[in-house]
Amino acid sequence: MKNVTKLLFMAGSGFLLSGCIASERDMSTLKLQLQELNATIVQMQSNQAELAGKMDELNSNLSASNENLAQVDAQINKLSAKLDDLSVSVRTAPAVQAEKAQTAQPAALLPSDLFAEAKSHLDKGAYEPAAMGFKLYTSKYPDSENVEQAYMYMGDAYIAAGQTKSGAVAYATLLQKFPKSKFIPSARLKYALSIVPLGKKDEAKRYLSSVVQDFPASPEAKKAEAELAKIK
């Protein structure tokens, strides 16, 4: 009987001991789970704070974008208004110009007026305006009675202005277009003198000799002889 009681006591003690050991193991597991849960909660709170910061930044960017869009809309409206004004101006400009053309009646510039104005510039020493005036005269009125003299004066104005090549071209044009002009002796002489500085001494000699040969009694012939003696 005593042995039986002893055995029962030992069995009960073992059961209680094993129960205590199991309880301690469960508690450790539970503590680990609680720690993991706390860590997860902390991480979630951190992520939530970061997400809130990004949302604030996004809201700020959206506000700035809205302001920029408002500015762009304002600029577009201004541009549209300017385009409308320009369209109105373009539509009305021809009518205004036509009205001005009808009311304005400028006096026509006569060939004699243009020639006289260019000659006045030449006499005053305004050589470039004079040359341009005679050039305009010869281009607008190629068949006028003073066109031959205009070429002579044009060459004189260019030479006086230091534009030797242009002067030579003016004299050469007269010689080519009007071979029977009364200005041929003078034109040949002046053309020859204008091309000497350009390095065309042989051609200059031929023209000077032609003046002496073809117009021996002219004042230009004596000048041509003197110039021939100077050219080496």
C-alpha atoms as a PDB file:
ATOM      1  CA  MET A   1       0.000   0.000   0.000  1.00  0.00           C
ATOM      2  CA  LYS A   2       2.785   2.301   0.884  1.00  0.00           C
ATOM      3  CA  ASN A   3       4.506   1.525  -2.409  1.00  0.00           C
ATOM      4  CA  VAL A   4       1.408   2.352  -4.336  1.00  0.00           C
ATOM      5  CA  THR A   5       1.045   5.653  -2.592  1.00  0.00           C
ATOM      6  CA  LYS A   6       4.659   6.476  -3.271  1.00  0.00           C
ATOM      7  CA  LEU A   7       4.288   5.697  -6.918  1.00  0.00           C
ATOM      8  CA  LEU A   8       1.207   7.906  -7.204  1.00  0.00           C
ATOM      9  CA  PHE A   9       3.016  10.774  -5.506  1.00  0.00           C
ATOM     10  CA  MET A  10       5.978  10.494  -7.861  1.00  0.00           C
ATOM     11  CA  ALA A  11       3.709  10.410 -10.896  1.00  0.00           C
ATOM     12  CA  GLY A  12       1.854  13.489  -9.772  1.00  0.00           C
ATOM     13  CA  SER A  13       5.062  15.360  -9.108  1.00  0.00           C
ATOM     14  CA  GLY A  14       6.359  14.524 -12.592  1.00  0.00           C
ATOM     15  CA  PHE A  15       3.172  15.743 -14.153  1.00  0.00           C
ATOM     16  CA  LEU A  16       3.327  19.015 -12.269  1.00  0.00           C
ATOM     17  CA  LEU A  17       6.985  19.463 -13.198  1.00  0.00           C
ATOM     18  CA  SER A  18       6.340  18.838 -16.870  1.00  0.00           C
ATOM     19  CA  GLY A  19       3.430  21.275 -16.770  1.00  0.00           C
ATOM     20  CA  CYS A  20       5.649  23.969 -15.327  1.00  0.00           C
ATOM     21  CA  ILE A  21       8.307  23.413 -17.971  1.00  0.00           C
ATOM     22  CA  ALA A  22       5.665  23.610 -20.740  1.00  0.00           C
ATOM     23  CA  SER A  23       4.293  26.830 -19.271  1.00  0.00           C
ATOM     24  CA  GLU A  24       7.695  28.487 -19.221  1.00  0.00           C
ATOM     25  CA  ARG A  25       8.279  27.519 -22.874  1.00  0.00           C
ATOM     26  CA  ASP A  26       4.929  28.976 -23.905  1.00  0.00           C
ATOM     27  CA  MET A  27       5.672  32.177 -22.058  1.00  0.00           C
ATOM     28  CA  SER A  28       9.002  32.556 -23.888  1.00  0.00           C
ATOM     29  CA  THR A  29       7.297  31.982 -27.212  1.00  0.00           C
ATOM     30  CA  LEU A  30       4.606  34.484 -26.330  1.00  0.00           C
ATOM     31  CA  LYS A  31       7.197  37.071 -25.320  1.00  0.00           C
ATOM     32  CA  LEU A  32       9.007  36.618 -28.661  1.00  0.00           C
ATOM     33  CA  GLN A  33       5.744  37.010 -30.513  1.00  0.00           C
ATOM     34  CA  LEU A  34       4.943  40.155 -28.541  1.00  0.00           C
ATOM     35  CA  GLN A  35       8.385  41.580 -29.314  1.00  0.00           C
ATOM     36  CA  GLU A  36       7.926  40.844 -33.035  1.00  0.00           C
ATOM     37  CA  LEU A  37       4.478  42.415 -32.916  1.00  0.00           C
ATOM     38  CA  ASN A  38       5.859  45.555 -31.228  1.00  0.00           C
ATOM     39  CA  ALA A  39       8.619  45.783 -33.837  1.00  0.00           C
ATOM     40  CA  THR A  40       6.044  45.439 -36.601  1.00  0.00           C
ATOM     41  CA  ILE A  41       3.888  48.140 -35.042  1.00  0.00           C
ATOM     42  CA  VAL A  42       6.916  50.480 -34.739  1.00  0.00           C
ATOM     43  CA  GLN A  43       7.822  49.814 -38.394  1.00  0.00           C
ATOM     44  CA  MET A  44       4.252  50.474 -39.475  1.00  0.00           C
ATOM     45  CA  GLN A  45       4.207  53.740 -37.521  1.00  0.00           C
ATOM     46  CA  SER A  46       7.483  54.763 -39.165  1.00  0.00           C
ATOM     47  CA  ASN A  47       6.125  53.899 -42.611  1.00  0.00           C
ATOM     48  CA  GLN A  48       2.946  55.807 -41.840  1.00  0.00           C
ATOM     49  CA  ALA A  49       4.957  58.907 -40.850  1.00  0.00           C
ATOM     50  CA  GLU A  50       7.048  58.660 -44.021  1.00  0.00           C
ATOM     51  CA  LEU A  51       3.898  58.271 -46.112  1.00  0.00           C
ATOM     52  CA  ALA A  52       2.392  61.321 -44.447  1.00  0.00           C
ATOM     53  CA  GLY A  53       5.524  63.331 -45.288  1.00  0.00           C
ATOM     54  CA  LYS A  54       5.346  62.238 -48.909  1.00  0.00           C
ATOM     55  CA  MET A  55       1.681  63.167 -49.058  1.00  0.00           C
ATOM     56  CA  ASP A  56       2.487  66.630 -47.728  1.00  0.00           C
ATOM     57  CA  GLU A  57       5.241  67.021 -50.354  1.00  0.00           C
ATOM     58  CA  LEU A  58       2.870  65.833 -53.075  1.00  0.00           C
ATOM     59  CA  ASN A  59       0.233  68.324 -51.972  1.00  0.00           C
ATOM     60  CA  SER A  60       2.842  71.094 -52.038  1.00  0.00           C
ATOM     61  CA  ASN A  61       3.931  70.118 -55.558  1.00  0.00           C
ATOM     62  CA  LEU A  62       0.328  70.022 -56.714  1.00  0.00           C
ATOM     63  CA  SER A  63      -0.250  73.509 -55.318  1.00  0.00           C
ATOM     64  CA  ALA A  64       2.842  74.825 -57.133  1.00  0.00           C
ATOM     65  CA  SER A  65       1.708  73.136 -60.347  1.00  0.00           C
ATOM     66  CA  ASN A  66      -1.711  74.726 -60.029  1.00  0.00           C
ATOM     67  CA  GLU A  67      -0.106  78.152 -59.597  1.00  0.00           C
ATOM     68  CA  ASN A  68       2.072  77.574 -62.671  1.00  0.00           C
ATOM     69  CA  LEU A  69      -0.945  76.472 -64.672  1.00  0.00           C
ATOM     70  CA  ALA A  70      -2.768  79.605 -63.598  1.00  0.00           C
ATOM     71  CA  GLN A  71       0.152  81.740 -64.776  1.00  0.00           C
ATOM     72  CA  VAL A  72       0.286  79.872 -68.097  1.00  0.00           C
ATOM     73  CA  ASP A  73      -3.452  80.396 -68.562  1.00  0.00           C
ATOM     74  CA  ALA A  74      -3.012  84.111 -67.899  1.00  0.00           C
ATOM     75  CA  GLN A  75      -0.189  84.338 -70.436  1.00  0.00           C
ATOM     76  CA  ILE A  76      -2.227  82.430 -73.005  1.00  0.00           C
ATOM     77  CA  ASN A  77      -5.125  84.812 -72.495  1.00  0.00           C
ATOM     78  CA  LYS A  78      -2.830  87.818 -72.998  1.00  0.00           C
ATOM     79  CA  LEU A  79      -1.364  86.272 -76.139  1.00  0.00           C
ATOM     80  CA  SER A  80      -4.807  85.532 -77.492  1.00  0.00           C
ATOM     81  CA  ALA A  81      -5.800  89.148 -76.920  1.00  0.00           C
ATOM     82  CA  LYS A  82      -2.696  90.369 -78.752  1.00  0.00           C
ATOM     83  CA  LEU A  83      -3.399  88.002 -81.655  1.00  0.00           C
ATOM     84  CA  ASP A  84      -6.944  89.315 -81.855  1.00  0.00           C
ATOM     85  CA  ASP A  85      -5.645  92.897 -81.972  1.00  0.00           C
ATOM     86  CA  LEU A  86      -3.113  91.923 -84.643  1.00  0.00           C
ATOM     87  CA  SER A  87      -5.797  90.260 -86.730  1.00  0.00           C
ATOM     88  CA  VAL A  88      -7.915  93.382 -86.561  1.00  0.00           C
ATOM     89  CA  SER A  89      -4.928  95.508 -87.577  1.00  0.00           C
ATOM     90  CA  VAL A  90      -4.125  93.220 -90.514  1.00  0.00           C
ATOM     91  CA  ARG A  91      -7.718  93.350 -91.720  1.00  0.00           C
ATOM     92  CA  THR A  92      -7.983  97.103 -91.429  1.00  0.00           C
ATOM     93  CA  ALA A  93      -4.485  97.986 -92.745  1.00  0.00           C
ATOM     94  CA  PRO A  94      -5.315  97.546 -96.466  1.00  0.00           C
ATOM     95  CA  ALA A  95      -8.360  99.747 -96.104  1.00  0.00           C
ATOM     96  CA  VAL A  96      -6.355 102.438 -94.318  1.00  0.00           C
ATOM     97  CA  GLN A  97      -3.598 102.272 -96.911  1.00  0.00           C
ATOM     98  CA  ALA A  98      -6.117 102.482 -99.732  1.00  0.00           C
ATOM     99  CA  GLU A  99      -7.701 105.513 -98.105  1.00  0.00           C
ATOM    100  CA  LYS A 100      -4.303 107.171 -97.724  1.00  0.00           C
ATOM    101  CA  ALA A 101      -3.464 106.377-101.325  1.00  0.00           C
ATOM    102  CA  GLN A 102      -6.669 108.025-102.461  1.00  0.00           C
ATOM    103  CA  THR A 103      -6.214 111.153-100.385  1.00  0.00           C
ATOM    104  CA  ALA A 104      -2.453 111.533-100.949  1.00  0.00           C
ATOM    105  CA  GLN A 105      -1.453 112.758-104.375  1.00  0.00           C
ATOM    106  CA  PRO A 106       2.328 113.234-104.406  1.00  0.00           C
ATOM    107  CA  ALA A 107       3.751 115.245-107.233  1.00  0.00           C
ATOM    108  CA  ALA A 108       5.527 113.151-109.864  1.00  0.00           C
ATOM    109  CA  LEU A 109       9.294 113.711-110.127  1.00  0.00           C
ATOM    110  CA  LEU A 110      10.135 114.839-113.642  1.00  0.00           C
ATOM    111  CA  PRO A 111      13.319 113.618-115.391  1.00  0.00           C
ATOM    112  CA  SER A 112      14.597 117.167-115.573  1.00  0.00           C
ATOM    113  CA  ASP A 113      14.071 117.601-111.826  1.00  0.00           C
ATOM    114  CA  LEU A 114      16.030 114.436-111.024  1.00  0.00           C
ATOM    115  CA  PHE A 115      18.859 115.448-113.346  1.00  0.00           C
ATOM    116  CA  ALA A 116      18.986 118.950-111.881  1.00  0.00           C
ATOM    117  CA  GLU A 117      19.039 117.646-108.336  1.00  0.00           C
ATOM    118  CA  ALA A 118      21.925 115.268-109.073  1.00  0.00           C
ATOM    119  CA  LYS A 119      23.829 118.055-110.842  1.00  0.00           C
ATOM    120  CA  SER A 120      23.286 120.306-107.832  1.00  0.00           C
ATOM    121  CA  HIS A 121      24.866 117.668-105.585  1.00  0.00           C
ATOM    122  CA  LEU A 122      27.817 117.424-107.963  1.00  0.00           C
ATOM    123  CA  ASP A 123      28.355 121.172-107.991  1.00  0.00           C
ATOM    124  CA  LYS A 124      28.243 121.279-104.183  1.00  0.00           C
ATOM    125  CA  GLY A 125      30.818 118.506-103.815  1.00  0.00           C
ATOM    126  CA  ALA A 126      28.323 115.920-102.545  1.00  0.00           C
ATOM    127  CA  TYR A 127      29.753 113.327-104.895  1.00  0.00           C
ATOM    128  CA  GLU A 128      28.141 110.140-103.635  1.00  0.00           C
ATOM    129  CA  PRO A 129      24.559 111.533-103.682  1.00  0.00           C
ATOM    130  CA  ALA A 130      25.327 112.978-107.099  1.00  0.00           C
ATOM    131  CA  ALA A 131      26.519 109.612-108.430  1.00  0.00           C
ATOM    132  CA  MET A 132      23.447 107.871-107.050  1.00  0.00           C
ATOM    133  CA  GLY A 133      21.184 110.503-108.544  1.00  0.00           C
ATOM    134  CA  PHE A 134      22.686 110.165-112.020  1.00  0.00           C
ATOM    135  CA  LYS A 135      22.603 106.375-111.735  1.00  0.00           C
ATOM    136  CA  LEU A 136      18.893 106.541-110.903  1.00  0.00           C
ATOM    137  CA  TYR A 137      18.338 108.917-113.787  1.00  0.00           C
ATOM    138  CA  THR A 138      20.025 106.615-116.321  1.00  0.00           C
ATOM    139  CA  SER A 139      18.075 103.580-115.088  1.00  0.00           C
ATOM    140  CA  LYS A 140      14.663 105.304-115.015  1.00  0.00           C
ATOM    141  CA  TYR A 141      15.060 107.392-118.144  1.00  0.00           C
ATOM    142  CA  PRO A 142      17.432 105.491-120.472  1.00  0.00           C
ATOM    143  CA  ASP A 143      16.016 107.242-123.546  1.00  0.00           C
ATOM    144  CA  SER A 144      16.018 110.805-122.223  1.00  0.00           C
ATOM    145  CA  GLU A 145      17.896 113.572-123.981  1.00  0.00           C
ATOM    146  CA  ASN A 146      20.334 114.058-121.093  1.00  0.00           C
ATOM    147  CA  VAL A 147      21.181 110.396-120.508  1.00  0.00           C
ATOM    148  CA  GLU A 148      24.593 110.626-122.272  1.00  0.00           C
ATOM    149  CA  GLN A 149      25.651 113.582-120.157  1.00  0.00           C
ATOM    150  CA  ALA A 150      24.271 111.811-117.077  1.00  0.00           C
ATOM    151  CA  TYR A 151      26.744 108.966-117.672  1.00  0.00           C
ATOM    152  CA  MET A 152      29.584 111.472-117.932  1.00  0.00           C
ATOM    153  CA  TYR A 153      28.570 113.228-114.736  1.00  0.00           C
ATOM    154  CA  MET A 154      28.079 109.887-112.989  1.00  0.00           C
ATOM    155  CA  GLY A 155      31.646 108.897-113.868  1.00  0.00           C
ATOM    156  CA  ASP A 156      32.960 112.282-112.696  1.00  0.00           C
ATOM    157  CA  ALA A 157      31.085 111.961-109.368  1.00  0.00           C
ATOM    158  CA  TYR A 158      32.390 108.442-108.734  1.00  0.00           C
ATOM    159  CA  ILE A 159      35.971 109.450-109.531  1.00  0.00           C
ATOM    160  CA  ALA A 160      35.723 112.484-107.239  1.00  0.00           C
ATOM    161  CA  ALA A 161      34.322 110.243-104.491  1.00  0.00           C
ATOM    162  CA  GLY A 162      37.326 107.926-104.818  1.00  0.00           C
ATOM    163  CA  GLN A 163      35.342 105.107-106.420  1.00  0.00           C
ATOM    164  CA  THR A 164      37.600 104.719-109.434  1.00  0.00           C
ATOM    165  CA  LYS A 165      36.247 101.407-110.689  1.00  0.00           C
ATOM    166  CA  SER A 166      32.637 102.638-110.622  1.00  0.00           C
ATOM    167  CA  GLY A 167      33.694 105.761-112.482  1.00  0.00           C
ATOM    168  CA  ALA A 168      35.428 103.667-115.139  1.00  0.00           C
ATOM    169  CA  VAL A 169      32.283 101.572-115.553  1.00  0.00           C
ATOM    170  CA  ALA A 170      30.175 104.705-116.082  1.00  0.00           C
ATOM    171  CA  TYR A 171      32.512 106.000-118.820  1.00  0.00           C
ATOM    172  CA  ALA A 172      32.706 102.545-120.442  1.00  0.00           C
ATOM    173  CA  THR A 173      28.912 102.288-120.485  1.00  0.00           C
ATOM    174  CA  LEU A 174      28.670 105.584-122.326  1.00  0.00           C
ATOM    175  CA  LEU A 175      31.276 104.450-124.875  1.00  0.00           C
ATOM    176  CA  GLN A 176      29.446 101.167-125.447  1.00  0.00           C
ATOM    177  CA  LYS A 177      25.860 102.432-125.616  1.00  0.00           C
ATOM    178  CA  PHE A 178      26.445 105.712-127.453  1.00  0.00           C
ATOM    179  CA  PRO A 179      29.430 105.301-129.809  1.00  0.00           C
ATOM    180  CA  LYS A 180      28.405 108.398-131.801  1.00  0.00           C
ATOM    181  CA  SER A 181      27.869 110.658-128.822  1.00  0.00           C
ATOM    182  CA  LYS A 182      29.464 114.096-128.748  1.00  0.00           C
ATOM    183  CA  PHE A 183      30.960 113.089-125.399  1.00  0.00           C
ATOM    184  CA  ILE A 184      33.063 110.265-126.907  1.00  0.00           C
ATOM    185  CA  PRO A 185      36.408 112.165-126.933  1.00  0.00           C
ATOM    186  CA  SER A 186      36.013 113.190-123.293  1.00  0.00           C
ATOM    187  CA  ALA A 187      34.678 109.763-122.308  1.00  0.00           C
ATOM    188  CA  ARG A 188      37.669 107.986-123.907  1.00  0.00           C
ATOM    189  CA  LEU A 189      40.121 110.316-122.200  1.00  0.00           C
ATOM    190  CA  LYS A 190      38.502 109.971-118.777  1.00  0.00           C
ATOM    191  CA  TYR A 191      38.093 106.225-119.134  1.00  0.00           C
ATOM    192  CA  ALA A 192      41.776 105.854-119.986  1.00  0.00           C
ATOM    193  CA  LEU A 193      42.820 107.946-116.976  1.00  0.00           C
ATOM    194  CA  SER A 194      40.463 105.993-114.663  1.00  0.00           C
ATOM    195  CA  ILE A 195      41.919 102.578-115.540  1.00  0.00           C
ATOM    196  CA  VAL A 196      45.586 103.568-115.085  1.00  0.00           C
ATOM    197  CA  PRO A 197      45.310 103.245-111.266  1.00  0.00           C
ATOM    198  CA  LEU A 198      43.651  99.885-111.841  1.00  0.00           C
ATOM    199  CA  GLY A 199      46.805  98.561-113.498  1.00  0.00           C
ATOM    200  CA  LYS A 200      45.498  98.634-117.085  1.00  0.00           C
ATOM    201  CA  LYS A 201      48.198 100.840-118.571  1.00  0.00           C
ATOM    202  CA  ASP A 202      48.272  99.168-122.007  1.00  0.00           C
ATOM    203  CA  GLU A 203      44.535  99.583-122.457  1.00  0.00           C
ATOM    204  CA  ALA A 204      44.794 103.167-121.257  1.00  0.00           C
ATOM    205  CA  LYS A 205      47.473 103.882-123.875  1.00  0.00           C
ATOM    206  CA  ARG A 206      45.259 102.494-126.642  1.00  0.00           C
ATOM    207  CA  TYR A 207      42.351 104.739-125.657  1.00  0.00           C
ATOM    208  CA  LEU A 208      44.565 107.821-125.328  1.00  0.00           C
ATOM    209  CA  SER A 209      46.074 107.104-128.747  1.00  0.00           C
ATOM    210  CA  SER A 210      42.576 106.716-130.234  1.00  0.00           C
ATOM    211  CA  VAL A 211      41.652 110.166-128.948  1.00  0.00           C
ATOM    212  CA  VAL A 212      44.710 111.695-130.633  1.00  0.00           C
ATOM    213  CA  GLN A 213      44.054 109.773-133.852  1.00  0.00           C
ATOM    214  CA  ASP A 214      40.281 110.123-134.171  1.00  0.00           C
ATOM    215  CA  PHE A 215      39.876 113.637-132.741  1.00  0.00           C
ATOM    216  CA  PRO A 216      43.160 115.402-133.464  1.00  0.00           C
ATOM    217  CA  ALA A 217      41.709 118.927-133.304  1.00  0.00           C
ATOM    218  CA  SER A 218      39.904 118.427-130.007  1.00  0.00           C
ATOM    219  CA  PRO A 219      41.080 119.759-126.632  1.00  0.00           C
ATOM    220  CA  GLU A 220      40.977 116.134-125.413  1.00  0.00           C
ATOM    221  CA  ALA A 221      43.627 115.185-128.000  1.00  0.00           C
ATOM    222  CA  LYS A 222      46.187 117.561-126.467  1.00  0.00           C
ATOM    223  CA  LYS A 223      45.480 116.220-122.984  1.00  0.00           C
ATOM    224  CA  ALA A 224      45.737 112.673-124.282  1.00  0.00           C
ATOM    225  CA  GLU A 225      49.189 113.355-125.728  1.00  0.00           C
ATOM    226  CA  ALA A 226      50.339 114.796-122.417  1.00  0.00           C
ATOM    227  CA  GLU A 227      49.024 111.791-120.507  1.00  0.00           C
ATOM    228  CA  LEU A 228      50.650 109.359-122.947  1.00  0.00           C
ATOM    229  CA  ALA A 229      53.996 110.937-122.157  1.00  0.00           C
ATOM    230  CA  LYS A 230      53.461 110.316-118.443  1.00  0.00           C
ATOM    231  CA  ILE A 231      52.618 106.618-118.763  1.00  0.00           C
ATOM    232  CA  LYS A 232      55.744 104.435-118.722  1.00  0.00           C
END
